[in-house]
PDB file of N, CA and C in Angstrom:
ATOM      1  N   MET A   1      10.933   6.801   4.735  1.00  0.00           N
ATOM      2  CA  MET A   1      11.712   5.448   3.833  1.00  0.00           C
ATOM      3  C   MET A   1      10.269   5.076   2.981  1.00  0.00           C
ATOM      4  N   THR A   2      10.441   4.874   2.164  1.00  0.00           N
ATOM      5  CA  THR A   2       9.246   3.879   1.477  1.00  0.00           C
ATOM      6  C   THR A   2       9.213   2.816   1.260  1.00  0.00           C
ATOM      7  N   PHE A   3       8.513   1.953   0.807  1.00  0.00           N
ATOM      8  CA  PHE A   3       9.038   0.457   0.865  1.00  0.00           C
ATOM      9  C   PHE A   3       7.726   0.233  -0.431  1.00  0.00           C
ATOM     10  N   PRO A   4       8.117   0.294  -1.999  1.00  0.00           N
ATOM     11  CA  PRO A   4       7.304   0.257  -2.548  1.00  0.00           C
ATOM     12  C   PRO A   4       6.396  -1.404  -3.179  1.00  0.00           C
ATOM     13  N   ILE A   5       5.538  -1.694  -3.103  1.00  0.00           N
ATOM     14  CA  ILE A   5       4.966  -2.835  -3.038  1.00  0.00           C
ATOM     15  C   ILE A   5       4.091  -3.121  -4.611  1.00  0.00           C
ATOM     16  N   GLY A   6       5.044  -3.260  -5.287  1.00  0.00           N
ATOM     17  CA  GLY A   6       3.568  -3.492  -6.610  1.00  0.00           C
ATOM     18  C   GLY A   6       3.032  -2.201  -6.657  1.00  0.00           C
ATOM     19  N   GLY A   7       3.567  -0.843  -6.718  1.00  0.00           N
ATOM     20  CA  GLY A   7       2.518   0.301  -6.801  1.00  0.00           C
ATOM     21  C   GLY A   7       2.534   0.740  -5.913  1.00  0.00           C
ATOM     22  N   ILE A   8       2.345   0.258  -4.505  1.00  0.00           N
ATOM     23  CA  ILE A   8       1.731   0.906  -3.525  1.00  0.00           C
ATOM     24  C   ILE A   8       3.182   1.294  -2.544  1.00  0.00           C
ATOM     25  N   SER A   9       3.094   2.694  -2.267  1.00  0.00           N
ATOM     26  CA  SER A   9       3.924   3.234  -1.437  1.00  0.00           C
ATOM     27  C   SER A   9       3.560   3.070   0.359  1.00  0.00           C
ATOM     28  N   ILE A  10       4.293   2.842   1.093  1.00  0.00           N
ATOM     29  CA  ILE A  10       4.306   3.206   2.358  1.00  0.00           C
ATOM     30  C   ILE A  10       4.843   4.559   2.708  1.00  0.00           C
ATOM     31  N   PRO A  11       3.840   5.265   3.333  1.00  0.00           N
ATOM     32  CA  PRO A  11       4.575   6.497   4.032  1.00  0.00           C
ATOM     33  C   PRO A  11       5.416   6.428   4.951  1.00  0.00           C
ATOM     34  N   SER A  12       6.090   7.607   5.197  1.00  0.00           N
ATOM     35  CA  SER A  12       7.648   7.311   5.813  1.00  0.00           C
ATOM     36  C   SER A  12       6.726   7.862   7.418  1.00  0.00           C
ATOM     37  N   PHE A  13       7.242   7.590   8.254  1.00  0.00           N
ATOM     38  CA  PHE A  13       6.613   7.781   9.788  1.00  0.00           C
ATOM     39  C   PHE A  13       7.515   9.201  10.087  1.00  0.00           C
ATOM     40  N   PRO A  14       6.761  10.764  10.870  1.00  0.00           N
ATOM     41  CA  PRO A  14       7.633  11.810  10.857  1.00  0.00           C
ATOM     42  C   PRO A  14       8.088  11.777  11.558  1.00  0.00           C
ATOM     43  N   THR A  15       9.027  12.820  11.695  1.00  0.00           N
ATOM     44  CA  THR A  15      10.154  12.653  12.900  1.00  0.00           C
ATOM     45  C   THR A  15      10.051  13.834  14.189  1.00  0.00           C
ATOM     46  N   VAL A  16      10.366  12.911  15.219  1.00  0.00           N
ATOM     47  CA  VAL A  16       9.754  14.204  15.993  1.00  0.00           C
ATOM     48  C   VAL A  16      11.021  15.348  16.490  1.00  0.00           C
ATOM     49  N   PRO A  17      10.828  16.722  16.514  1.00  0.00           N
ATOM     50  CA  PRO A  17      11.742  17.593  16.548  1.00  0.00           C
ATOM     51  C   PRO A  17      12.965  17.416  17.579  1.00  0.00           C
ATOM     52  N   ALA A  18      14.493  17.780  17.521  1.00  0.00           N
ATOM     53  CA  ALA A  18      14.856  17.555  18.662  1.00  0.00           C
ATOM     54  C   ALA A  18      14.299  18.696  19.739  1.00  0.00           C
ATOM     55  N   VAL A  19      14.967  17.969  21.210  1.00  0.00           N
ATOM     56  CA  VAL A  19      15.123  18.866  22.580  1.00  0.00           C
ATOM     57  C   VAL A  19      15.858  19.766  22.645  1.00  0.00           C
ATOM     58  N   GLY A  20      15.852  21.060  23.269  1.00  0.00           N
ATOM     59  CA  GLY A  20      17.175  21.585  23.359  1.00  0.00           C
ATOM     60  C   GLY A  20      17.969  21.275  24.556  1.00  0.00           C
ATOM     61  N   GLY A  21      18.686  22.138  25.157  1.00  0.00           N
ATOM     62  CA  GLY A  21      19.778  21.449  26.657  1.00  0.00           C
ATOM     63  C   GLY A  21      18.582  21.366  27.146  1.00  0.00           C
ATOM     64  N   ALA A  22      19.436  21.262  28.884  1.00  0.00           N
ATOM     65  CA  ALA A  22      18.763  21.275  30.220  1.00  0.00           C
ATOM     66  C   ALA A  22      17.829  22.155  30.632  1.00  0.00           C
ATOM     67  N   GLY A  23      18.020  23.393  29.914  1.00  0.00           N
ATOM     68  CA  GLY A  23      17.389  24.540  30.334  1.00  0.00           C
ATOM     69  C   GLY A  23      16.272  24.743  29.046  1.00  0.00           C
ATOM     70  N   GLY A  24      16.061  23.875  28.259  1.00  0.00           N
ATOM     71  CA  GLY A  24      15.359  23.630  27.287  1.00  0.00           C
ATOM     72  C   GLY A  24      13.492  23.027  27.557  1.00  0.00           C
ATOM     73  N   ILE A  25      13.374  24.124  28.556  1.00  0.00           N
ATOM     74  CA  ILE A  25      11.830  23.746  28.541  1.00  0.00           C
ATOM     75  C   ILE A  25      11.117  24.215  27.870  1.00  0.00           C
ATOM     76  N   GLY A  26      11.020  25.100  26.619  1.00  0.00           N
ATOM     77  CA  GLY A  26      10.197  25.289  25.382  1.00  0.00           C
ATOM     78  C   GLY A  26      10.625  24.589  24.860  1.00  0.00           C
ATOM     79  N   GLY A  27      11.511  23.967  24.746  1.00  0.00           N
ATOM     80  CA  GLY A  27      11.598  22.618  23.150  1.00  0.00           C
ATOM     81  C   GLY A  27      11.318  21.289  23.546  1.00  0.00           C
ATOM     82  N   ALA A  28      10.727  21.269  25.157  1.00  0.00           N
ATOM     83  CA  ALA A  28      10.337  20.064  25.840  1.00  0.00           C
ATOM     84  C   ALA A  28       8.894  20.259  25.293  1.00  0.00           C
ATOM     85  N   ALA A  29       8.454  20.919  25.711  1.00  0.00           N
ATOM     86  CA  ALA A  29       7.459  21.133  25.121  1.00  0.00           C
ATOM     87  C   ALA A  29       6.336  21.205  23.772  1.00  0.00           C
ATOM     88  N   ALA A  30       7.445  21.660  22.916  1.00  0.00           N
ATOM     89  CA  ALA A  30       7.264  21.180  21.374  1.00  0.00           C
ATOM     90  C   ALA A  30       7.694  20.398  20.538  1.00  0.00           C
ATOM     91  N   ALA A  31       8.187  19.035  21.975  1.00  0.00           N
ATOM     92  CA  ALA A  31       8.602  17.905  21.348  1.00  0.00           C
ATOM     93  C   ALA A  31       7.268  16.887  21.945  1.00  0.00           C
ATOM     94  N   THR A  32       7.006  17.283  22.653  1.00  0.00           N
ATOM     95  CA  THR A  32       5.363  16.192  23.233  1.00  0.00           C
ATOM     96  C   THR A  32       4.160  17.121  22.260  1.00  0.00           C
ATOM     97  N   GLU A  33       4.159  18.041  21.356  1.00  0.00           N
ATOM     98  CA  GLU A  33       3.135  17.978  20.597  1.00  0.00           C
ATOM     99  C   GLU A  33       3.093  17.186  19.364  1.00  0.00           C
ATOM    100  N   ALA A  34       2.053  16.966  18.923  1.00  0.00           N
ATOM    101  CA  ALA A  34       1.821  15.769  17.513  1.00  0.00           C
ATOM    102  C   ALA A  34       1.659  16.360  16.580  1.00  0.00           C
ATOM    103  N   PRO A  35       3.159  16.026  15.819  1.00  0.00           N
ATOM    104  CA  PRO A  35       3.817  16.248  14.302  1.00  0.00           C
ATOM    105  C   PRO A  35       2.639  16.679  13.080  1.00  0.00           C
ATOM    106  N   ALA A  36       2.014  17.940  12.973  1.00  0.00           N
ATOM    107  CA  ALA A  36       1.394  18.041  11.889  1.00  0.00           C
ATOM    108  C   ALA A  36       1.263  17.194  10.766  1.00  0.00           C
ATOM    109  N   VAL A  37       0.341  16.354  10.418  1.00  0.00           N
ATOM    110  CA  VAL A  37       0.863  15.937   9.094  1.00  0.00           C
ATOM    111  C   VAL A  37       0.267  16.678   7.940  1.00  0.00           C
ATOM    112  N   SER A  38       1.033  16.549   6.994  1.00  0.00           N
ATOM    113  CA  SER A  38       0.822  17.325   6.091  1.00  0.00           C
ATOM    114  C   SER A  38      -0.430  16.641   4.654  1.00  0.00           C
ATOM    115  N   ALA A  39      -0.613  17.049   3.807  1.00  0.00           N
ATOM    116  CA  ALA A  39      -1.643  17.129   3.048  1.00  0.00           C
ATOM    117  C   ALA A  39      -1.336  15.914   1.624  1.00  0.00           C
ATOM    118  N   THR A  40      -0.051  15.605   1.380  1.00  0.00           N
ATOM    119  CA  THR A  40       0.520  14.931   0.688  1.00  0.00           C
ATOM    120  C   THR A  40       0.831  13.428   1.431  1.00  0.00           C
ATOM    121  N   GLU A  41       0.628  13.207   2.578  1.00  0.00           N
ATOM    122  CA  GLU A  41       0.872  11.881   3.192  1.00  0.00           C
ATOM    123  C   GLU A  41      -0.500  11.361   2.630  1.00  0.00           C
ATOM    124  N   ASN A  42      -0.035   9.924   2.573  1.00  0.00           N
ATOM    125  CA  ASN A  42      -1.086   9.122   2.428  1.00  0.00           C
ATOM    126  C   ASN A  42      -1.780   8.630   3.903  1.00  0.00           C
ATOM    127  N   GLY A  43      -3.145   8.343   3.998  1.00  0.00           N
ATOM    128  CA  GLY A  43      -3.185   7.469   4.961  1.00  0.00           C
ATOM    129  C   GLY A  43      -3.551   6.157   4.874  1.00  0.00           C
ATOM    130  N   PHE A  44      -4.327   5.205   5.340  1.00  0.00           N
ATOM    131  CA  PHE A  44      -4.112   4.123   5.475  1.00  0.00           C
ATOM    132  C   PHE A  44      -5.260   3.691   4.623  1.00  0.00           C
ATOM    133  N   ALA A  45      -6.519   4.696   4.676  1.00  0.00           N
ATOM    134  CA  ALA A  45      -7.672   4.043   3.359  1.00  0.00           C
ATOM    135  C   ALA A  45      -7.003   4.510   2.632  1.00  0.00           C
ATOM    136  N   ASP A  46      -6.270   5.787   1.822  1.00  0.00           N
ATOM    137  CA  ASP A  46      -5.392   5.811   0.865  1.00  0.00           C
ATOM    138  C   ASP A  46      -4.773   4.524   0.040  1.00  0.00           C
ATOM    139  N   VAL A  47      -4.151   4.267   0.982  1.00  0.00           N
ATOM    140  CA  VAL A  47      -3.087   3.483   0.621  1.00  0.00           C
ATOM    141  C   VAL A  47      -3.747   1.931   0.241  1.00  0.00           C
ATOM    142  N   LEU A  48      -4.754   1.676   0.986  1.00  0.00           N
ATOM    143  CA  LEU A  48      -5.927   0.785   0.759  1.00  0.00           C
ATOM    144  C   LEU A  48      -6.763   0.663  -0.427  1.00  0.00           C
ATOM    145  N   THR A  49      -6.955   1.762  -1.008  1.00  0.00           N
ATOM    146  CA  THR A  49      -8.200   2.323  -2.527  1.00  0.00           C
ATOM    147  C   THR A  49      -6.944   2.014  -3.259  1.00  0.00           C
ATOM    148  N   GLY A  50      -5.614   2.371  -3.323  1.00  0.00           N
ATOM    149  CA  GLY A  50      -4.697   2.771  -4.044  1.00  0.00           C
ATOM    150  C   GLY A  50      -4.341   1.020  -4.760  1.00  0.00           C
ATOM    151  N   ALA A  51      -4.241   0.235  -3.656  1.00  0.00           N
ATOM    152  CA  ALA A  51      -3.927  -1.139  -3.879  1.00  0.00           C
ATOM    153  C   ALA A  51      -4.789  -2.005  -4.307  1.00  0.00           C
ATOM    154  N   ILE A  52      -6.107  -2.038  -3.792  1.00  0.00           N
ATOM    155  CA  ILE A  52      -7.365  -1.865  -5.016  1.00  0.00           C
ATOM    156  C   ILE A  52      -7.740  -1.219  -6.244  1.00  0.00           C
ATOM    157  N   GLU A  53      -7.115  -0.189  -6.129  1.00  0.00           N
ATOM    158  CA  GLU A  53      -7.080   0.204  -7.449  1.00  0.00           C
ATOM    159  C   GLU A  53      -6.123  -0.659  -8.559  1.00  0.00           C
ATOM    160  N   ASN A  54      -4.758  -0.975  -8.374  1.00  0.00           N
ATOM    161  CA  ASN A  54      -3.968  -1.427  -8.771  1.00  0.00           C
ATOM    162  C   ASN A  54      -4.254  -2.941  -8.926  1.00  0.00           C
ATOM    163  N   VAL A  55      -5.057  -3.823  -8.608  1.00  0.00           N
ATOM    164  CA  VAL A  55      -5.218  -5.082  -8.493  1.00  0.00           C
ATOM    165  C   VAL A  55      -6.597  -5.091  -9.590  1.00  0.00           C
ATOM    166  N   GLN A  56      -7.653  -3.917  -9.774  1.00  0.00           N
ATOM    167  CA  GLN A  56      -8.782  -3.961 -10.924  1.00  0.00           C
ATOM    168  C   GLN A  56      -7.717  -3.555 -11.860  1.00  0.00           C
ATOM    169  N   GLY A  57      -6.882  -2.849 -11.929  1.00  0.00           N
ATOM    170  CA  GLY A  57      -6.274  -2.141 -12.978  1.00  0.00           C
ATOM    171  C   GLY A  57      -5.560  -3.399 -13.821  1.00  0.00           C
ATOM    172  N   ALA A  58      -4.951  -4.335 -12.804  1.00  0.00           N
ATOM    173  CA  ALA A  58      -4.269  -5.289 -13.633  1.00  0.00           C
ATOM    174  C   ALA A  58      -4.908  -6.620 -14.118  1.00  0.00           C
ATOM    175  N   GLN A  59      -5.584  -6.501 -13.574  1.00  0.00           N
ATOM    176  CA  GLN A  59      -6.832  -7.961 -14.226  1.00  0.00           C
ATOM    177  C   GLN A  59      -7.821  -7.068 -14.917  1.00  0.00           C
ATOM    178  N   SER A  60      -7.970  -5.619 -15.483  1.00  0.00           N
ATOM    179  CA  SER A  60      -8.540  -5.376 -16.456  1.00  0.00           C
ATOM    180  C   SER A  60      -8.147  -5.337 -17.669  1.00  0.00           C
ATOM    181  N   LYS A  61      -6.397  -4.859 -17.844  1.00  0.00           N
ATOM    182  CA  LYS A  61      -5.877  -5.066 -18.506  1.00  0.00           C
ATOM    183  C   LYS A  61      -5.074  -6.642 -19.302  1.00  0.00           C
ATOM    184  N   SER A  62      -5.349  -7.501 -17.965  1.00  0.00           N
ATOM    185  CA  SER A  62      -5.334  -8.888 -18.588  1.00  0.00           C
ATOM    186  C   SER A  62      -6.257  -9.139 -19.140  1.00  0.00           C
ATOM    187  N   ASN A  63      -7.784  -8.740 -18.602  1.00  0.00           N
ATOM    188  CA  ASN A  63      -8.807  -9.546 -19.592  1.00  0.00           C
ATOM    189  C   ASN A  63      -9.018  -8.317 -21.172  1.00  0.00           C
ATOM    190  N   GLU A  64      -8.605  -7.400 -21.137  1.00  0.00           N
ATOM    191  CA  GLU A  64      -8.816  -6.508 -22.400  1.00  0.00           C
ATOM    192  C   GLU A  64      -7.592  -7.718 -23.550  1.00  0.00           C
ATOM    193  N   LEU A  65      -6.607  -7.837 -22.653  1.00  0.00           N
ATOM    194  CA  LEU A  65      -5.447  -8.309 -23.875  1.00  0.00           C
ATOM    195  C   LEU A  65      -6.278  -9.975 -23.938  1.00  0.00           C
ATOM    196  N   ALA A  66      -6.950 -10.876 -23.207  1.00  0.00           N
ATOM    197  CA  ALA A  66      -7.303 -11.930 -23.636  1.00  0.00           C
ATOM    198  C   ALA A  66      -8.755 -12.215 -24.769  1.00  0.00           C
ATOM    199  N   VAL A  67      -8.957 -10.946 -24.673  1.00  0.00           N
ATOM    200  CA  VAL A  67     -10.119 -10.617 -25.726  1.00  0.00           C
ATOM    201  C   VAL A  67      -9.524 -10.098 -27.368  1.00  0.00           C
ATOM    202  N   GLN A  68      -8.422  -9.474 -26.874  1.00  0.00           N
ATOM    203  CA  GLN A  68      -7.775  -9.487 -28.259  1.00  0.00           C
ATOM    204  C   GLN A  68      -7.099 -10.694 -28.863  1.00  0.00           C
ATOM    205  N   ALA A  69      -6.560 -11.265 -27.518  1.00  0.00           N
ATOM    206  CA  ALA A  69      -6.188 -12.628 -28.255  1.00  0.00           C
ATOM    207  C   ALA A  69      -6.902 -13.874 -28.715  1.00  0.00           C
ATOM    208  N   ALA A  70      -8.192 -13.616 -28.083  1.00  0.00           N
ATOM    209  CA  ALA A  70      -9.312 -14.381 -28.353  1.00  0.00           C
ATOM    210  C   ALA A  70     -10.132 -13.940 -30.083  1.00  0.00           C
ATOM    211  N   THR A  71     -10.000 -12.661 -29.993  1.00  0.00           N
ATOM    212  CA  THR A  71     -10.206 -12.267 -31.562  1.00  0.00           C
ATOM    213  C   THR A  71      -9.336 -12.415 -32.621  1.00  0.00           C
ATOM    214  N   GLY A  72      -7.914 -12.578 -31.947  1.00  0.00           N
ATOM    215  CA  GLY A  72      -6.833 -12.693 -33.277  1.00  0.00           C
ATOM    216  C   GLY A  72      -6.505 -11.117 -33.446  1.00  0.00           C
ATOM    217  N   ASP A  73      -6.853 -10.168 -32.381  1.00  0.00           N
ATOM    218  CA  ASP A  73      -6.060  -8.861 -32.749  1.00  0.00           C
ATOM    219  C   ASP A  73      -4.988  -8.938 -32.219  1.00  0.00           C
ATOM    220  N   LEU A  74      -4.541  -9.750 -31.403  1.00  0.00           N
ATOM    221  CA  LEU A  74      -3.255  -9.429 -30.129  1.00  0.00           C
ATOM    222  C   LEU A  74      -2.258  -9.794 -31.092  1.00  0.00           C
ATOM    223  N   LYS A  75      -0.874  -8.953 -31.118  1.00  0.00           N
ATOM    224  CA  LYS A  75       0.309  -9.134 -32.185  1.00  0.00           C
ATOM    225  C   LYS A  75       1.366 -10.108 -31.153  1.00  0.00           C
ATOM    226  N   ASP A  76       1.422  -9.762 -29.956  1.00  0.00           N
ATOM    227  CA  ASP A  76       2.316 -10.441 -29.382  1.00  0.00           C
ATOM    228  C   ASP A  76       1.808 -11.123 -28.283  1.00  0.00           C
ATOM    229  N   VAL A  77       2.023 -12.211 -28.457  1.00  0.00           N
ATOM    230  CA  VAL A  77       1.084 -13.325 -27.203  1.00  0.00           C
ATOM    231  C   VAL A  77       1.565 -13.031 -26.002  1.00  0.00           C
ATOM    232  N   HIS A  78       3.205 -12.571 -25.790  1.00  0.00           N
ATOM    233  CA  HIS A  78       3.238 -12.310 -24.594  1.00  0.00           C
ATOM    234  C   HIS A  78       3.159 -11.237 -23.697  1.00  0.00           C
ATOM    235  N   ASP A  79       2.707 -10.522 -24.510  1.00  0.00           N
ATOM    236  CA  ASP A  79       2.149  -9.324 -23.864  1.00  0.00           C
ATOM    237  C   ASP A  79       0.878  -9.978 -22.952  1.00  0.00           C
ATOM    238  N   TYR A  80      -0.068 -10.792 -23.037  1.00  0.00           N
ATOM    239  CA  TYR A  80      -1.191 -11.430 -22.615  1.00  0.00           C
ATOM    240  C   TYR A  80      -0.776 -11.722 -21.620  1.00  0.00           C
ATOM    241  N   MET A  81       0.611 -12.795 -21.650  1.00  0.00           N
ATOM    242  CA  MET A  81       0.752 -13.997 -20.361  1.00  0.00           C
ATOM    243  C   MET A  81       1.870 -13.220 -19.509  1.00  0.00           C
ATOM    244  N   ILE A  82       2.163 -11.829 -19.954  1.00  0.00           N
ATOM    245  CA  ILE A  82       2.805 -11.384 -18.964  1.00  0.00           C
ATOM    246  C   ILE A  82       1.846 -10.630 -18.053  1.00  0.00           C
ATOM    247  N   ALA A  83       0.416  -9.628 -18.534  1.00  0.00           N
ATOM    248  CA  ALA A  83      -0.391  -9.528 -17.833  1.00  0.00           C
ATOM    249  C   ALA A  83      -1.205 -10.119 -16.683  1.00  0.00           C
ATOM    250  N   ALA A  84      -1.410 -11.437 -17.672  1.00  0.00           N
ATOM    251  CA  ALA A  84      -2.302 -12.326 -17.018  1.00  0.00           C
ATOM    252  C   ALA A  84      -1.260 -12.820 -15.588  1.00  0.00           C
ATOM    253  N   GLN A  85      -0.071 -12.430 -15.932  1.00  0.00           N
ATOM    254  CA  GLN A  85       0.877 -13.243 -14.633  1.00  0.00           C
ATOM    255  C   GLN A  85       0.625 -12.489 -13.467  1.00  0.00           C
ATOM    256  N   GLU A  86       1.034 -10.736 -13.908  1.00  0.00           N
ATOM    257  CA  GLU A  86       0.950  -9.827 -13.324  1.00  0.00           C
ATOM    258  C   GLU A  86      -0.428  -9.887 -12.402  1.00  0.00           C
ATOM    259  N   ALA A  87      -1.461 -10.101 -13.047  1.00  0.00           N
ATOM    260  CA  ALA A  87      -2.592  -9.817 -12.641  1.00  0.00           C
ATOM    261  C   ALA A  87      -2.949 -10.801 -11.080  1.00  0.00           C
ATOM    262  N   ALA A  88      -2.722 -12.296 -11.561  1.00  0.00           N
ATOM    263  CA  ALA A  88      -2.422 -12.846 -10.533  1.00  0.00           C
ATOM    264  C   ALA A  88      -1.524 -12.985  -9.559  1.00  0.00           C
ATOM    265  N   LEU A  89      -0.296 -12.550  -9.503  1.00  0.00           N
ATOM    266  CA  LEU A  89       0.918 -12.147  -8.546  1.00  0.00           C
ATOM    267  C   LEU A  89      -0.232 -10.874  -8.045  1.00  0.00           C
ATOM    268  N   THR A  90      -0.584 -10.069  -8.324  1.00  0.00           N
ATOM    269  CA  THR A  90      -1.248  -9.213  -7.417  1.00  0.00           C
ATOM    270  C   THR A  90      -2.515  -9.078  -6.695  1.00  0.00           C
ATOM    271  N   THR A  91      -3.197  -9.804  -7.437  1.00  0.00           N
ATOM    272  CA  THR A  91      -4.388 -10.337  -6.500  1.00  0.00           C
ATOM    273  C   THR A  91      -4.291 -11.627  -5.302  1.00  0.00           C
ATOM    274  N   GLU A  92      -3.165 -12.116  -5.831  1.00  0.00           N
ATOM    275  CA  GLU A  92      -2.386 -12.934  -4.594  1.00  0.00           C
ATOM    276  C   GLU A  92      -1.994 -12.073  -3.702  1.00  0.00           C
ATOM    277  N   MET A  93      -0.968 -11.503  -3.833  1.00  0.00           N
ATOM    278  CA  MET A  93      -0.289 -10.927  -2.856  1.00  0.00           C
ATOM    279  C   MET A  93      -1.616 -10.065  -1.885  1.00  0.00           C
ATOM    280  N   PHE A  94      -2.307  -9.529  -2.220  1.00  0.00           N
ATOM    281  CA  PHE A  94      -3.596  -8.348  -1.879  1.00  0.00           C
ATOM    282  C   PHE A  94      -3.906  -9.231  -1.137  1.00  0.00           C
ATOM    283  N   VAL A  95      -4.648 -10.825  -1.303  1.00  0.00           N
ATOM    284  CA  VAL A  95      -5.088 -11.732  -0.732  1.00  0.00           C
ATOM    285  C   VAL A  95      -4.656 -11.829   0.129  1.00  0.00           C
ATOM    286  N   THR A  96      -3.195 -12.343   0.451  1.00  0.00           N
ATOM    287  CA  THR A  96      -2.404 -12.737   1.743  1.00  0.00           C
ATOM    288  C   THR A  96      -2.712 -11.608   2.058  1.00  0.00           C
ATOM    289  N   LEU A  97      -1.600 -10.188   1.847  1.00  0.00           N
ATOM    290  CA  LEU A  97      -2.086  -8.613   2.907  1.00  0.00           C
ATOM    291  C   LEU A  97      -3.282  -9.144   3.678  1.00  0.00           C
ATOM    292  N   LYS A  98      -4.383  -9.075   2.882  1.00  0.00           N
ATOM    293  CA  LYS A  98      -6.141  -8.851   3.526  1.00  0.00           C
ATOM    294  C   LYS A  98      -5.647 -10.113   4.918  1.00  0.00           C
ATOM    295  N   ASN A  99      -5.483 -11.286   4.430  1.00  0.00           N
ATOM    296  CA  ASN A  99      -5.184 -12.527   5.326  1.00  0.00           C
ATOM    297  C   ASN A  99      -4.619 -12.224   6.734  1.00  0.00           C
ATOM    298  N   LYS A 100      -3.402 -11.857   6.474  1.00  0.00           N
ATOM    299  CA  LYS A 100      -2.574 -11.495   7.285  1.00  0.00           C
ATOM    300  C   LYS A 100      -2.849 -10.257   8.043  1.00  0.00           C
ATOM    301  N   ALA A 101      -3.711  -9.231   7.494  1.00  0.00           N
ATOM    302  CA  ALA A 101      -4.262  -8.404   8.559  1.00  0.00           C
ATOM    303  C   ALA A 101      -5.786  -8.331   9.718  1.00  0.00           C
ATOM    304  N   VAL A 102      -6.293  -9.606   8.964  1.00  0.00           N
ATOM    305  CA  VAL A 102      -7.298 -10.298   9.578  1.00  0.00           C
ATOM    306  C   VAL A 102      -6.673 -11.194  10.968  1.00  0.00           C
ATOM    307  N   GLU A 103      -5.475 -11.814  10.639  1.00  0.00           N
ATOM    308  CA  GLU A 103      -5.387 -12.491  11.561  1.00  0.00           C
ATOM    309  C   GLU A 103      -4.269 -11.993  12.259  1.00  0.00           C
ATOM    310  N   ALA A 104      -4.007 -10.394  12.020  1.00  0.00           N
ATOM    311  CA  ALA A 104      -3.504  -9.822  13.177  1.00  0.00           C
ATOM    312  C   ALA A 104      -4.581  -9.425  14.244  1.00  0.00           C
ATOM    313  N   PHE A 105      -5.690  -9.150  13.537  1.00  0.00           N
ATOM    314  CA  PHE A 105      -7.024  -8.018  14.073  1.00  0.00           C
ATOM    315  C   PHE A 105      -7.145  -9.193  14.823  1.00  0.00           C
ATOM    316  N   THR A 106      -7.542 -10.715  14.656  1.00  0.00           N
ATOM    317  CA  THR A 106      -8.038 -11.234  15.225  1.00  0.00           C
ATOM    318  C   THR A 106      -7.255 -11.713  16.708  1.00  0.00           C
ATOM    319  N   GLU A 107      -5.792 -11.701  16.524  1.00  0.00           N
ATOM    320  CA  GLU A 107      -5.017 -11.709  18.024  1.00  0.00           C
ATOM    321  C   GLU A 107      -5.203 -10.740  18.968  1.00  0.00           C
ATOM    322  N   ILE A 108      -5.100  -9.878  17.699  1.00  0.00           N
ATOM    323  CA  ILE A 108      -5.759  -8.488  19.012  1.00  0.00           C
ATOM    324  C   ILE A 108      -6.493  -8.486  19.891  1.00  0.00           C
ATOM    325  N   MET A 109      -7.858  -8.902  19.261  1.00  0.00           N
ATOM    326  CA  MET A 109      -8.932  -9.116  19.853  1.00  0.00           C
ATOM    327  C   MET A 109      -9.152 -10.330  20.996  1.00  0.00           C
ATOM    328  N   ARG A 110      -8.382 -11.199  20.863  1.00  0.00           N
ATOM    329  CA  ARG A 110      -7.755 -12.426  21.892  1.00  0.00           C
ATOM    330  C   ARG A 110      -7.477 -12.022  23.199  1.00  0.00           C
ATOM    331  N   MET A 111      -6.434 -11.034  23.089  1.00  0.00           N
ATOM    332  CA  MET A 111      -5.509 -10.169  24.057  1.00  0.00           C
ATOM    333  C   MET A 111      -6.473  -9.616  25.029  1.00  0.00           C
ATOM    334  N   PRO A 112      -6.320 -10.166  26.311  1.00  0.00           N
ATOM    335  CA  PRO A 112      -7.079  -9.742  27.736  1.00  0.00           C
ATOM    336  C   PRO A 112      -6.482  -8.328  27.637  1.00  0.00           C
ATOM    337  N   ILE A 113      -7.977  -7.427  28.780  1.00  0.00           N
ATOM    338  CA  ILE A 113      -7.729  -6.047  28.970  1.00  0.00           C
ATOM    339  C   ILE A 113      -7.360  -6.213  30.383  1.00  0.00           C
TER     340      ILE A 113
END
């Protein structure tokens, strides 16, 4: 199950194979093995890189339309306003997620061992 967030998709968790009946010792051994991760699944670094690229893309699109609006080449001002709002929202979302990640890390570091 994936949850799309502004171009970011979070990969679903791999399923654990079913264990056979009471005599299924081989099935129990297979269930304890780590599931293989396919090459198509995204890791945390890939998701983070994609999010940064998404923010940069929205900001560059907004900047290009701003230049067009300033030079008079832009046909529809609404396009610039929409792009600027998208850039602002993606930046705000990314900063909020970064702050939550730092807050979670700080809480984990405060836990007694």
